[in-house]
């Protein structure tokens, strides 16, 4: 994931005619909004690990069910 460039955002806002102080404030708000919740996002690696874990659990459960069915007279 790429970082938000707040300096470039502020410069863009200034070039569009916004007062420099307001441009910096808007850029800071945009930076904060862009990073909000980033720690709660799952990565592809997180999802792959979860998939592997769930696959092994499913195999284990299926084995237990098959063994139980074979033991029932």
C-alpha atoms as a PDB file:
ATOM      1  CA  UNK A   1       0.000   0.000   0.000  1.00  0.00           C
ATOM      2  CA  UNK A   2       1.396   3.402  -0.907  1.00  0.00           C
ATOM      3  CA  UNK A   3       1.641   6.272   1.536  1.00  0.00           C
ATOM      4  CA  UNK A   4      -0.508   9.369   1.135  1.00  0.00           C
ATOM      5  CA  UNK A   5       1.618  12.345   0.052  1.00  0.00           C
ATOM      6  CA  UNK A   6       0.111  15.186   2.075  1.00  0.00           C
ATOM      7  CA  UNK A   7       2.664  17.711   0.752  1.00  0.00           C
ATOM      8  CA  UNK A   8       1.684  16.977  -2.845  1.00  0.00           C
ATOM      9  CA  UNK A   9      -1.991  17.170  -1.891  1.00  0.00           C
ATOM     10  CA  UNK A  10      -1.471  20.551  -0.212  1.00  0.00           C
ATOM     11  CA  UNK A  11       0.415  21.851  -3.251  1.00  0.00           C
ATOM     12  CA  UNK A  12      -2.356  20.653  -5.555  1.00  0.00           C
ATOM     13  CA  UNK A  13      -4.963  22.398  -3.420  1.00  0.00           C
ATOM     14  CA  UNK A  14      -2.877  25.585  -3.342  1.00  0.00           C
ATOM     15  CA  UNK A  15      -2.447  25.465  -7.127  1.00  0.00           C
ATOM     16  CA  UNK A  16      -6.218  25.180  -7.411  1.00  0.00           C
ATOM     17  CA  UNK A  17      -6.514  28.482  -5.540  1.00  0.00           C
ATOM     18  CA  UNK A  18      -6.962  27.412  -1.932  1.00  0.00           C
ATOM     19  CA  UNK A  19      -5.281  29.472   0.783  1.00  0.00           C
ATOM     20  CA  UNK A  20      -2.023  27.714   1.875  1.00  0.00           C
ATOM     21  CA  UNK A  21      -3.196  27.331   5.488  1.00  0.00           C
ATOM     22  CA  UNK A  22      -6.491  25.786   4.363  1.00  0.00           C
ATOM     23  CA  UNK A  23      -4.717  23.601   1.818  1.00  0.00           C
ATOM     24  CA  UNK A  24      -2.440  22.166   4.529  1.00  0.00           C
ATOM     25  CA  UNK A  25      -5.416  21.564   6.822  1.00  0.00           C
ATOM     26  CA  UNK A  26      -7.369  19.784   4.082  1.00  0.00           C
ATOM     27  CA  UNK A  27      -4.322  17.705   3.170  1.00  0.00           C
ATOM     28  CA  UNK A  28      -3.862  16.671   6.818  1.00  0.00           C
ATOM     29  CA  UNK A  29      -7.520  15.641   7.027  1.00  0.00           C
ATOM     30  CA  UNK A  30      -7.196  13.641   3.808  1.00  0.00           C
ATOM     31  CA  UNK A  31      -4.042  11.930   5.154  1.00  0.00           C
ATOM     32  CA  UNK A  32      -5.840  10.983   8.361  1.00  0.00           C
ATOM     33  CA  UNK A  33      -8.853   9.673   6.457  1.00  0.00           C
ATOM     34  CA  UNK A  34      -6.628   7.642   4.127  1.00  0.00           C
ATOM     35  CA  UNK A  35      -4.851   5.962   7.041  1.00  0.00           C
ATOM     36  CA  UNK A  36      -7.920   5.397   9.222  1.00  0.00           C
ATOM     37  CA  UNK A  37      -8.580   1.717   9.784  1.00  0.00           C
ATOM     38  CA  UNK A  38      -5.443   0.643   7.913  1.00  0.00           C
ATOM     39  CA  UNK A  39      -4.379  -1.570  10.830  1.00  0.00           C
ATOM     40  CA  UNK A  40      -7.676  -3.453  10.644  1.00  0.00           C
ATOM     41  CA  UNK A  41      -7.281  -4.410   6.984  1.00  0.00           C
ATOM     42  CA  UNK A  42      -6.385  -7.979   6.057  1.00  0.00           C
ATOM     43  CA  UNK A  43      -3.486  -8.553   3.690  1.00  0.00           C
ATOM     44  CA  UNK A  44      -3.281 -11.247   1.026  1.00  0.00           C
ATOM     45  CA  UNK A  45      -0.934 -13.113   3.341  1.00  0.00           C
ATOM     46  CA  UNK A  46      -3.467 -12.910   6.199  1.00  0.00           C
ATOM     47  CA  UNK A  47      -6.154 -14.352   3.937  1.00  0.00           C
ATOM     48  CA  UNK A  48      -3.869 -17.130   2.666  1.00  0.00           C
ATOM     49  CA  UNK A  49      -3.003 -18.133   6.246  1.00  0.00           C
ATOM     50  CA  UNK A  50      -6.671 -18.147   7.207  1.00  0.00           C
ATOM     51  CA  UNK A  51      -7.544 -20.252   4.160  1.00  0.00           C
ATOM     52  CA  UNK A  52      -4.826 -22.793   5.010  1.00  0.00           C
ATOM     53  CA  UNK A  53      -5.970 -22.968   8.632  1.00  0.00           C
ATOM     54  CA  UNK A  54      -9.608 -23.437   7.632  1.00  0.00           C
ATOM     55  CA  UNK A  55      -8.671 -26.116   5.084  1.00  0.00           C
ATOM     56  CA  UNK A  56      -6.836 -28.166   7.721  1.00  0.00           C
ATOM     57  CA  UNK A  57      -9.718 -27.780  10.152  1.00  0.00           C
ATOM     58  CA  UNK A  58     -12.168 -28.958   7.492  1.00  0.00           C
ATOM     59  CA  UNK A  59      -9.991 -31.979   6.715  1.00  0.00           C
ATOM     60  CA  UNK A  60      -9.778 -32.824  10.419  1.00  0.00           C
ATOM     61  CA  UNK A  61     -13.541 -32.489  10.909  1.00  0.00           C
ATOM     62  CA  UNK A  62     -14.246 -34.585   7.816  1.00  0.00           C
ATOM     63  CA  UNK A  63     -11.897 -37.281   9.132  1.00  0.00           C
ATOM     64  CA  UNK A  64     -13.642 -37.312  12.509  1.00  0.00           C
ATOM     65  CA  UNK A  65     -17.056 -37.585  10.845  1.00  0.00           C
ATOM     66  CA  UNK A  66     -15.911 -40.403   8.556  1.00  0.00           C
ATOM     67  CA  UNK A  67     -14.392 -42.294  11.509  1.00  0.00           C
ATOM     68  CA  UNK A  68     -17.572 -41.822  13.557  1.00  0.00           C
ATOM     69  CA  UNK A  69     -19.758 -43.075  10.722  1.00  0.00           C
ATOM     70  CA  UNK A  70     -17.582 -46.171  10.265  1.00  0.00           C
ATOM     71  CA  UNK A  71     -17.820 -46.934  13.998  1.00  0.00           C
ATOM     72  CA  UNK A  72     -21.627 -46.779  14.025  1.00  0.00           C
ATOM     73  CA  UNK A  73     -23.012 -50.347  13.673  1.00  0.00           C
END
